[in-house]
N, C-alpha and C. Protein backbone atom coordinates (compact mmCIF):
# COMPACT_ATOMS: atom_id res chain seq x y z
N MET A 1 171.66 -21.85 82.70
CA MET A 1 171.45 -21.49 84.09
C MET A 1 170.29 -20.51 84.22
N LEU A 2 170.22 -19.51 83.34
CA LEU A 2 169.15 -18.54 83.37
C LEU A 2 167.81 -19.21 83.10
N ALA A 3 167.79 -20.15 82.16
CA ALA A 3 166.56 -20.88 81.86
C ALA A 3 166.10 -21.68 83.07
N ALA A 4 167.03 -22.24 83.80
CA ALA A 4 166.67 -23.02 84.99
C ALA A 4 166.06 -22.12 86.06
N LYS A 5 166.60 -20.89 86.23
CA LYS A 5 166.03 -19.96 87.20
C LYS A 5 164.62 -19.54 86.80
N SER A 6 164.40 -19.27 85.51
CA SER A 6 163.07 -18.88 85.04
C SER A 6 162.08 -20.01 85.24
N GLU A 7 162.54 -21.23 84.96
CA GLU A 7 161.66 -22.38 85.14
C GLU A 7 161.29 -22.56 86.62
N THR A 8 162.26 -22.36 87.50
CA THR A 8 162.00 -22.47 88.93
C THR A 8 161.01 -21.41 89.37
N ARG A 9 161.16 -20.18 88.89
CA ARG A 9 160.21 -19.12 89.24
C ARG A 9 158.81 -19.45 88.74
N ALA A 10 158.72 -20.01 87.54
CA ALA A 10 157.42 -20.37 86.98
C ALA A 10 156.77 -21.46 87.83
N GLN A 11 157.57 -22.39 88.29
CA GLN A 11 157.03 -23.46 89.12
C GLN A 11 156.55 -22.92 90.46
N GLN A 12 157.22 -21.91 90.97
CA GLN A 12 156.84 -21.33 92.25
C GLN A 12 155.68 -20.35 92.13
N GLY A 13 155.26 -20.03 90.91
CA GLY A 13 154.13 -19.14 90.72
C GLY A 13 154.48 -17.68 90.76
N SER A 14 155.71 -17.30 90.41
CA SER A 14 156.07 -15.89 90.40
C SER A 14 156.57 -15.53 89.01
N ASP A 15 156.51 -14.22 88.69
CA ASP A 15 157.00 -13.76 87.40
C ASP A 15 158.48 -13.40 87.52
N ASN A 16 159.04 -12.79 86.47
CA ASN A 16 160.46 -12.45 86.46
C ASN A 16 160.82 -11.38 87.48
N ASN A 17 159.86 -10.61 87.94
CA ASN A 17 160.13 -9.57 88.93
C ASN A 17 159.91 -10.07 90.36
N GLY A 18 159.63 -11.35 90.54
CA GLY A 18 159.45 -11.91 91.87
C GLY A 18 158.05 -11.74 92.44
N ARG A 19 157.13 -11.17 91.65
CA ARG A 19 155.75 -11.00 92.12
C ARG A 19 154.98 -12.30 91.92
N MET A 20 154.00 -12.51 92.80
CA MET A 20 153.18 -13.71 92.69
C MET A 20 152.20 -13.58 91.52
N GLN A 21 152.04 -14.65 90.78
CA GLN A 21 151.05 -14.67 89.70
C GLN A 21 149.68 -14.90 90.31
N PRO A 22 148.63 -14.37 89.67
CA PRO A 22 147.29 -14.59 90.21
C PRO A 22 146.94 -16.09 90.17
N GLU A 23 146.15 -16.49 91.14
CA GLU A 23 145.74 -17.89 91.22
C GLU A 23 144.71 -18.19 90.14
N SER A 24 144.83 -19.33 89.49
CA SER A 24 143.88 -19.70 88.43
C SER A 24 142.53 -20.04 89.04
N GLU A 25 141.49 -19.95 88.23
CA GLU A 25 140.14 -20.27 88.70
C GLU A 25 140.03 -21.73 89.11
N GLN A 26 140.70 -22.61 88.38
CA GLN A 26 140.67 -24.03 88.72
C GLN A 26 141.33 -24.27 90.09
N SER A 27 142.44 -23.60 90.32
CA SER A 27 143.13 -23.72 91.60
C SER A 27 142.27 -23.17 92.74
N LYS A 28 141.60 -22.04 92.50
CA LYS A 28 140.72 -21.45 93.51
C LYS A 28 139.58 -22.40 93.85
N SER A 29 138.97 -23.00 92.83
CA SER A 29 137.83 -23.89 93.09
C SER A 29 138.28 -25.15 93.83
N LYS A 30 139.48 -25.67 93.51
CA LYS A 30 140.00 -26.83 94.23
C LYS A 30 140.26 -26.49 95.69
N ARG A 31 140.83 -25.30 95.93
CA ARG A 31 141.12 -24.87 97.29
C ARG A 31 139.83 -24.69 98.08
N ARG A 32 138.81 -24.09 97.45
CA ARG A 32 137.53 -23.90 98.12
C ARG A 32 136.87 -25.24 98.44
N ALA A 33 136.92 -26.16 97.48
CA ALA A 33 136.33 -27.49 97.70
C ALA A 33 137.04 -28.22 98.83
N ARG A 34 138.37 -28.11 98.87
CA ARG A 34 139.15 -28.75 99.93
C ARG A 34 138.79 -28.13 101.30
N ARG A 35 138.65 -26.80 101.34
CA ARG A 35 138.31 -26.12 102.58
C ARG A 35 136.89 -26.50 103.03
N PHE A 36 135.95 -26.59 102.06
CA PHE A 36 134.58 -26.98 102.40
C PHE A 36 134.52 -28.41 102.91
N ARG A 37 135.25 -29.30 102.25
CA ARG A 37 135.27 -30.71 102.66
C ARG A 37 135.84 -30.84 104.07
N ARG A 38 136.91 -30.09 104.33
CA ARG A 38 137.52 -30.12 105.66
C ARG A 38 136.57 -29.59 106.72
N ALA A 39 135.87 -28.50 106.42
CA ALA A 39 134.90 -27.94 107.37
C ALA A 39 133.75 -28.91 107.61
N ALA A 40 133.32 -29.61 106.56
CA ALA A 40 132.24 -30.59 106.71
C ALA A 40 132.68 -31.75 107.61
N VAL A 41 133.91 -32.24 107.41
CA VAL A 41 134.42 -33.33 108.25
C VAL A 41 134.54 -32.86 109.69
N GLU A 42 135.04 -31.65 109.92
CA GLU A 42 135.15 -31.12 111.28
C GLU A 42 133.77 -30.97 111.91
N GLY A 43 132.79 -30.56 111.13
CA GLY A 43 131.42 -30.45 111.64
C GLY A 43 130.85 -31.79 112.05
N VAL A 44 131.11 -32.81 111.23
CA VAL A 44 130.63 -34.17 111.56
C VAL A 44 131.31 -34.68 112.84
N ILE A 45 132.60 -34.43 112.97
CA ILE A 45 133.31 -34.87 114.18
C ILE A 45 132.78 -34.12 115.40
N ALA A 46 132.55 -32.81 115.28
CA ALA A 46 132.02 -32.03 116.40
C ALA A 46 130.63 -32.53 116.79
N ALA A 47 129.79 -32.80 115.80
CA ALA A 47 128.45 -33.34 116.09
C ALA A 47 128.55 -34.72 116.73
N SER A 48 129.51 -35.52 116.29
CA SER A 48 129.72 -36.84 116.89
C SER A 48 130.11 -36.72 118.36
N PHE A 49 130.92 -35.71 118.66
CA PHE A 49 131.32 -35.49 120.05
C PHE A 49 130.10 -35.14 120.90
N VAL A 50 129.29 -34.22 120.43
CA VAL A 50 128.10 -33.82 121.19
C VAL A 50 127.16 -35.01 121.36
N ILE A 51 126.98 -35.79 120.31
CA ILE A 51 126.12 -36.98 120.39
C ILE A 51 126.71 -37.99 121.38
N ALA A 52 128.04 -38.16 121.37
CA ALA A 52 128.68 -39.09 122.31
C ALA A 52 128.47 -38.64 123.75
N VAL A 53 128.52 -37.32 123.98
CA VAL A 53 128.27 -36.80 125.34
C VAL A 53 126.82 -37.07 125.74
N ILE A 54 125.90 -36.84 124.82
CA ILE A 54 124.48 -37.08 125.11
C ILE A 54 124.22 -38.57 125.35
N ILE A 55 124.81 -39.42 124.52
CA ILE A 55 124.66 -40.87 124.71
C ILE A 55 125.24 -41.28 126.07
N GLY A 56 126.41 -40.74 126.40
CA GLY A 56 127.01 -41.03 127.70
C GLY A 56 126.11 -40.62 128.84
N ASP A 57 125.50 -39.47 128.72
CA ASP A 57 124.59 -38.99 129.75
C ASP A 57 123.38 -39.90 129.87
N ARG A 58 122.87 -40.36 128.75
CA ARG A 58 121.70 -41.27 128.76
C ARG A 58 122.06 -42.65 129.30
N LEU A 59 123.31 -43.09 129.05
CA LEU A 59 123.74 -44.41 129.54
C LEU A 59 123.76 -44.46 131.06
N ILE A 60 124.20 -43.39 131.69
CA ILE A 60 124.30 -43.43 133.15
C ILE A 60 122.96 -43.12 133.81
N GLY A 61 122.05 -42.50 133.07
CA GLY A 61 120.71 -42.24 133.60
C GLY A 61 120.72 -41.49 134.91
N ASP A 62 120.09 -42.07 135.91
CA ASP A 62 119.97 -41.44 137.23
C ASP A 62 121.16 -41.71 138.12
N GLY A 63 122.21 -42.30 137.60
CA GLY A 63 123.39 -42.57 138.41
C GLY A 63 123.43 -43.99 138.94
N GLY A 64 122.46 -44.82 138.59
CA GLY A 64 122.42 -46.19 139.07
C GLY A 64 123.19 -47.16 138.19
N ALA A 65 123.92 -46.64 137.20
CA ALA A 65 124.66 -47.50 136.27
C ALA A 65 125.91 -48.05 136.95
N SER A 66 126.34 -49.21 136.45
CA SER A 66 127.55 -49.83 137.02
C SER A 66 128.78 -48.99 136.65
N LEU A 67 129.87 -49.27 137.35
CA LEU A 67 131.10 -48.54 137.12
C LEU A 67 131.62 -48.73 135.70
N SER A 68 131.50 -49.92 135.16
CA SER A 68 131.98 -50.17 133.79
C SER A 68 131.16 -49.38 132.77
N VAL A 69 129.86 -49.25 132.98
CA VAL A 69 129.01 -48.47 132.07
C VAL A 69 129.36 -46.99 132.19
N ARG A 70 129.67 -46.55 133.39
CA ARG A 70 130.07 -45.14 133.55
C ARG A 70 131.39 -44.86 132.84
N TRP A 71 132.35 -45.78 132.95
CA TRP A 71 133.62 -45.60 132.23
C TRP A 71 133.40 -45.60 130.73
N LEU A 72 132.53 -46.45 130.25
CA LEU A 72 132.20 -46.47 128.83
C LEU A 72 131.56 -45.15 128.42
N ALA A 73 130.63 -44.66 129.25
CA ALA A 73 129.94 -43.40 128.98
C ALA A 73 130.92 -42.23 128.95
N ALA A 74 131.93 -42.26 129.81
CA ALA A 74 132.94 -41.19 129.84
C ALA A 74 133.96 -41.37 128.72
N GLY A 75 134.30 -42.61 128.43
CA GLY A 75 135.34 -42.89 127.44
C GLY A 75 134.95 -42.58 126.01
N LEU A 76 133.70 -42.79 125.68
CA LEU A 76 133.25 -42.57 124.29
C LEU A 76 133.49 -41.13 123.83
N PRO A 77 133.03 -40.12 124.56
CA PRO A 77 133.31 -38.75 124.10
C PRO A 77 134.79 -38.40 124.15
N ILE A 78 135.52 -38.98 125.10
CA ILE A 78 136.96 -38.70 125.18
C ILE A 78 137.68 -39.26 123.95
N ILE A 79 137.26 -40.43 123.49
CA ILE A 79 137.85 -41.01 122.28
C ILE A 79 137.54 -40.14 121.07
N VAL A 80 136.28 -39.69 120.96
CA VAL A 80 135.91 -38.82 119.83
C VAL A 80 136.69 -37.51 119.90
N LEU A 81 136.82 -36.94 121.09
CA LEU A 81 137.58 -35.70 121.26
C LEU A 81 139.05 -35.89 120.86
N SER A 82 139.63 -37.00 121.26
CA SER A 82 141.02 -37.31 120.91
C SER A 82 141.18 -37.44 119.41
N PHE A 83 140.25 -38.15 118.78
CA PHE A 83 140.28 -38.29 117.32
C PHE A 83 140.17 -36.93 116.65
N TRP A 84 139.32 -36.07 117.20
CA TRP A 84 139.11 -34.74 116.65
C TRP A 84 140.43 -33.97 116.62
N TRP A 85 141.20 -33.99 117.72
CA TRP A 85 142.45 -33.25 117.79
C TRP A 85 143.53 -33.87 116.91
N VAL A 86 143.57 -35.19 116.83
CA VAL A 86 144.53 -35.85 115.94
C VAL A 86 144.21 -35.50 114.49
N HIS A 87 142.93 -35.51 114.16
CA HIS A 87 142.52 -35.13 112.80
C HIS A 87 142.93 -33.70 112.49
N LEU A 88 142.69 -32.79 113.42
CA LEU A 88 143.04 -31.39 113.21
C LEU A 88 144.55 -31.23 113.00
N ALA A 89 145.34 -31.90 113.82
CA ALA A 89 146.80 -31.81 113.69
C ALA A 89 147.26 -32.34 112.34
N ARG A 90 146.69 -33.45 111.90
CA ARG A 90 147.06 -34.01 110.59
C ARG A 90 146.67 -33.08 109.45
N GLU A 91 145.49 -32.49 109.57
CA GLU A 91 145.04 -31.57 108.52
C GLU A 91 145.95 -30.33 108.45
N ILE A 92 146.36 -29.82 109.59
CA ILE A 92 147.24 -28.64 109.60
C ILE A 92 148.58 -29.00 108.98
N ARG A 93 149.07 -30.18 109.23
CA ARG A 93 150.37 -30.60 108.66
C ARG A 93 150.34 -30.71 107.15
N LYS A 94 149.15 -30.93 106.58
CA LYS A 94 149.01 -31.05 105.12
C LYS A 94 149.06 -29.69 104.42
N LEU A 95 148.88 -28.63 105.16
CA LEU A 95 148.78 -27.30 104.57
C LEU A 95 150.16 -26.72 104.26
N ASP A 96 150.17 -25.71 103.39
CA ASP A 96 151.44 -25.03 103.14
C ASP A 96 151.74 -24.08 104.31
N GLU A 97 152.90 -23.47 104.27
CA GLU A 97 153.37 -22.67 105.40
C GLU A 97 152.42 -21.52 105.75
N PHE A 98 151.93 -20.82 104.74
CA PHE A 98 151.03 -19.70 104.99
C PHE A 98 149.72 -20.18 105.61
N GLU A 99 149.14 -21.24 105.04
CA GLU A 99 147.89 -21.77 105.56
C GLU A 99 148.06 -22.30 106.99
N GLN A 100 149.22 -22.89 107.27
CA GLN A 100 149.51 -23.35 108.63
C GLN A 100 149.53 -22.18 109.61
N SER A 101 150.14 -21.08 109.18
CA SER A 101 150.21 -19.92 110.08
C SER A 101 148.81 -19.36 110.35
N VAL A 102 147.93 -19.39 109.35
CA VAL A 102 146.56 -18.93 109.55
C VAL A 102 145.85 -19.84 110.54
N GLU A 103 146.00 -21.15 110.38
CA GLU A 103 145.35 -22.11 111.26
C GLU A 103 145.84 -21.98 112.70
N ILE A 104 147.14 -21.87 112.86
CA ILE A 104 147.71 -21.78 114.20
C ILE A 104 147.32 -20.47 114.87
N ARG A 105 147.30 -19.39 114.10
CA ARG A 105 146.85 -18.11 114.64
C ARG A 105 145.38 -18.20 115.07
N ALA A 106 144.56 -18.83 114.24
CA ALA A 106 143.14 -18.99 114.58
C ALA A 106 142.96 -19.86 115.82
N LEU A 107 143.77 -20.93 115.94
CA LEU A 107 143.71 -21.79 117.12
C LEU A 107 144.08 -21.02 118.39
N ALA A 108 145.13 -20.21 118.31
CA ALA A 108 145.57 -19.44 119.47
C ALA A 108 144.50 -18.44 119.90
N ILE A 109 143.94 -17.72 118.95
CA ILE A 109 142.91 -16.74 119.28
C ILE A 109 141.67 -17.44 119.82
N ALA A 110 141.27 -18.54 119.17
CA ALA A 110 140.08 -19.27 119.62
C ALA A 110 140.29 -19.83 121.03
N GLY A 111 141.48 -20.31 121.32
CA GLY A 111 141.77 -20.81 122.66
C GLY A 111 141.64 -19.71 123.70
N ALA A 112 142.19 -18.55 123.39
CA ALA A 112 142.12 -17.42 124.31
C ALA A 112 140.68 -16.97 124.52
N VAL A 113 139.92 -16.88 123.44
CA VAL A 113 138.52 -16.44 123.54
C VAL A 113 137.70 -17.47 124.33
N THR A 114 137.95 -18.76 124.08
CA THR A 114 137.23 -19.80 124.80
C THR A 114 137.52 -19.76 126.29
N VAL A 115 138.78 -19.59 126.65
CA VAL A 115 139.14 -19.49 128.07
C VAL A 115 138.48 -18.26 128.68
N TRP A 116 138.48 -17.16 127.95
CA TRP A 116 137.85 -15.94 128.46
C TRP A 116 136.36 -16.17 128.69
N ILE A 117 135.67 -16.77 127.71
CA ILE A 117 134.23 -17.02 127.85
C ILE A 117 133.95 -17.95 129.02
N ALA A 118 134.70 -19.05 129.10
CA ALA A 118 134.48 -20.01 130.18
C ALA A 118 134.74 -19.37 131.55
N THR A 119 135.77 -18.56 131.65
CA THR A 119 136.08 -17.89 132.92
C THR A 119 135.02 -16.86 133.26
N ALA A 120 134.63 -16.04 132.29
CA ALA A 120 133.60 -15.03 132.54
C ALA A 120 132.29 -15.69 132.93
N TRP A 121 131.93 -16.77 132.24
CA TRP A 121 130.70 -17.48 132.57
C TRP A 121 130.80 -18.06 133.98
N GLY A 122 131.95 -18.60 134.33
CA GLY A 122 132.15 -19.14 135.68
C GLY A 122 132.01 -18.09 136.75
N ILE A 123 132.55 -16.91 136.50
CA ILE A 123 132.45 -15.81 137.47
C ILE A 123 130.99 -15.38 137.63
N VAL A 124 130.30 -15.24 136.50
CA VAL A 124 128.88 -14.85 136.56
C VAL A 124 128.07 -15.94 137.26
N SER A 125 128.39 -17.18 136.97
CA SER A 125 127.70 -18.30 137.62
C SER A 125 127.94 -18.30 139.12
N LEU A 126 129.16 -18.04 139.53
CA LEU A 126 129.53 -18.03 140.94
C LEU A 126 128.89 -16.87 141.70
N ILE A 127 128.98 -15.68 141.12
CA ILE A 127 128.55 -14.48 141.83
C ILE A 127 127.06 -14.18 141.65
N VAL A 128 126.57 -14.32 140.43
CA VAL A 128 125.19 -13.97 140.14
C VAL A 128 124.25 -15.16 140.31
N GLY A 129 124.79 -16.37 140.18
CA GLY A 129 123.96 -17.56 140.29
C GLY A 129 123.40 -18.03 138.97
N ALA A 130 123.99 -17.60 137.86
CA ALA A 130 123.56 -18.06 136.54
C ALA A 130 123.88 -19.55 136.41
N PRO A 131 123.20 -20.24 135.50
CA PRO A 131 123.50 -21.67 135.32
C PRO A 131 124.96 -21.87 134.92
N ALA A 132 125.54 -22.96 135.40
CA ALA A 132 126.95 -23.25 135.11
C ALA A 132 127.10 -23.72 133.67
N LEU A 133 128.22 -23.37 133.08
CA LEU A 133 128.56 -23.82 131.73
C LEU A 133 128.95 -25.29 131.80
N PRO A 134 128.30 -26.16 131.04
CA PRO A 134 128.73 -27.56 131.05
C PRO A 134 130.14 -27.67 130.47
N LEU A 135 131.09 -28.09 131.27
CA LEU A 135 132.49 -28.12 130.83
C LEU A 135 132.71 -29.01 129.60
N ALA A 136 131.89 -30.03 129.46
CA ALA A 136 132.03 -30.92 128.30
C ALA A 136 131.71 -30.19 126.99
N MET A 137 131.06 -29.07 127.07
CA MET A 137 130.70 -28.34 125.85
C MET A 137 131.71 -27.26 125.49
N THR A 138 132.82 -27.16 126.23
CA THR A 138 133.82 -26.17 125.87
C THR A 138 134.53 -26.53 124.56
N ALA A 139 134.69 -27.81 124.26
CA ALA A 139 135.32 -28.20 122.99
C ALA A 139 134.47 -27.78 121.79
N PRO A 140 133.16 -28.07 121.77
CA PRO A 140 132.35 -27.56 120.66
C PRO A 140 132.32 -26.04 120.60
N LEU A 141 132.30 -25.39 121.77
CA LEU A 141 132.36 -23.92 121.80
C LEU A 141 133.66 -23.43 121.16
N ALA A 142 134.76 -24.06 121.53
CA ALA A 142 136.05 -23.68 120.95
C ALA A 142 136.07 -23.93 119.44
N ALA A 143 135.45 -25.02 118.99
CA ALA A 143 135.41 -25.33 117.56
C ALA A 143 134.62 -24.27 116.79
N ILE A 144 133.51 -23.84 117.37
CA ILE A 144 132.70 -22.80 116.71
C ILE A 144 133.49 -21.50 116.64
N ILE A 145 134.12 -21.15 117.73
CA ILE A 145 134.92 -19.91 117.76
C ILE A 145 136.09 -20.03 116.79
N PHE A 146 136.75 -21.20 116.76
CA PHE A 146 137.87 -21.43 115.84
C PHE A 146 137.43 -21.25 114.39
N GLY A 147 136.28 -21.82 114.04
CA GLY A 147 135.78 -21.68 112.67
C GLY A 147 135.50 -20.23 112.32
N ALA A 148 134.90 -19.50 113.25
CA ALA A 148 134.60 -18.09 113.00
C ALA A 148 135.88 -17.26 112.87
N ILE A 149 136.82 -17.49 113.77
CA ILE A 149 138.09 -16.74 113.74
C ILE A 149 138.85 -17.07 112.46
N ARG A 150 138.86 -18.35 112.07
CA ARG A 150 139.55 -18.76 110.85
C ARG A 150 138.99 -18.00 109.65
N GLN A 151 137.65 -17.90 109.58
CA GLN A 151 137.05 -17.19 108.46
C GLN A 151 137.40 -15.70 108.48
N ILE A 152 137.41 -15.11 109.65
CA ILE A 152 137.77 -13.69 109.76
C ILE A 152 139.20 -13.47 109.28
N ILE A 153 140.12 -14.35 109.69
CA ILE A 153 141.51 -14.21 109.27
C ILE A 153 141.64 -14.41 107.77
N VAL A 154 140.98 -15.42 107.22
CA VAL A 154 141.05 -15.68 105.78
C VAL A 154 140.51 -14.49 105.01
N PHE A 155 139.37 -13.95 105.44
CA PHE A 155 138.78 -12.81 104.75
C PHE A 155 139.66 -11.56 104.87
N SER A 156 140.45 -11.46 105.93
CA SER A 156 141.30 -10.29 106.09
C SER A 156 142.44 -10.29 105.07
N TYR A 157 142.77 -11.45 104.52
CA TYR A 157 143.83 -11.53 103.52
C TYR A 157 143.33 -11.33 102.10
N ARG A 158 142.03 -11.21 101.93
CA ARG A 158 141.48 -11.04 100.56
C ARG A 158 141.46 -9.61 100.14
C-alpha cells in the first residue's frame, strides 16, 4: 500500500513531502513549443478574420452589390470569427486545470478591457468628434489584449 502511494505521488510530480518536483527541461521545451504553436495558429486565424473583413468590404464596393453578394461579404468574416471562438474553446478544454484558470482569467480581463476601450472610444467619438472605432475590429483588438494579458499572468507565476 505504501509503495502504491509513493508511485502515485511520483506520477503526480510531487516528492514524499507533497512538494512539486521541478519541471524537466524537456517538459518545459514541449510546453513552450505547444504555447508557441497555439499562438501562431491564433495569429493566423486573427489575420484571416481581418482579411475576410477587408475582402467583404471590397466585395460590396460602393454599395451597388447585390443582396446575395452582401450576405456573402458579411458571412465570410462571421464564419471565421465563429471558427476562431470554437478553436479557442477547444484549446482551453485541452489544458490542465491551472492552465485553464489562467486562460479564463485572461479572457475575463481582456473582455473587460476591450469593453472599456470600445466604450471610451465611443464617448470620445460622440463628444469630441474623433473617428469612430470600426466595430468589426473589436475582435482583433480583444485578441491582442487577450494575448498581452495572458503573457502578463503567465509571467506573474514565474
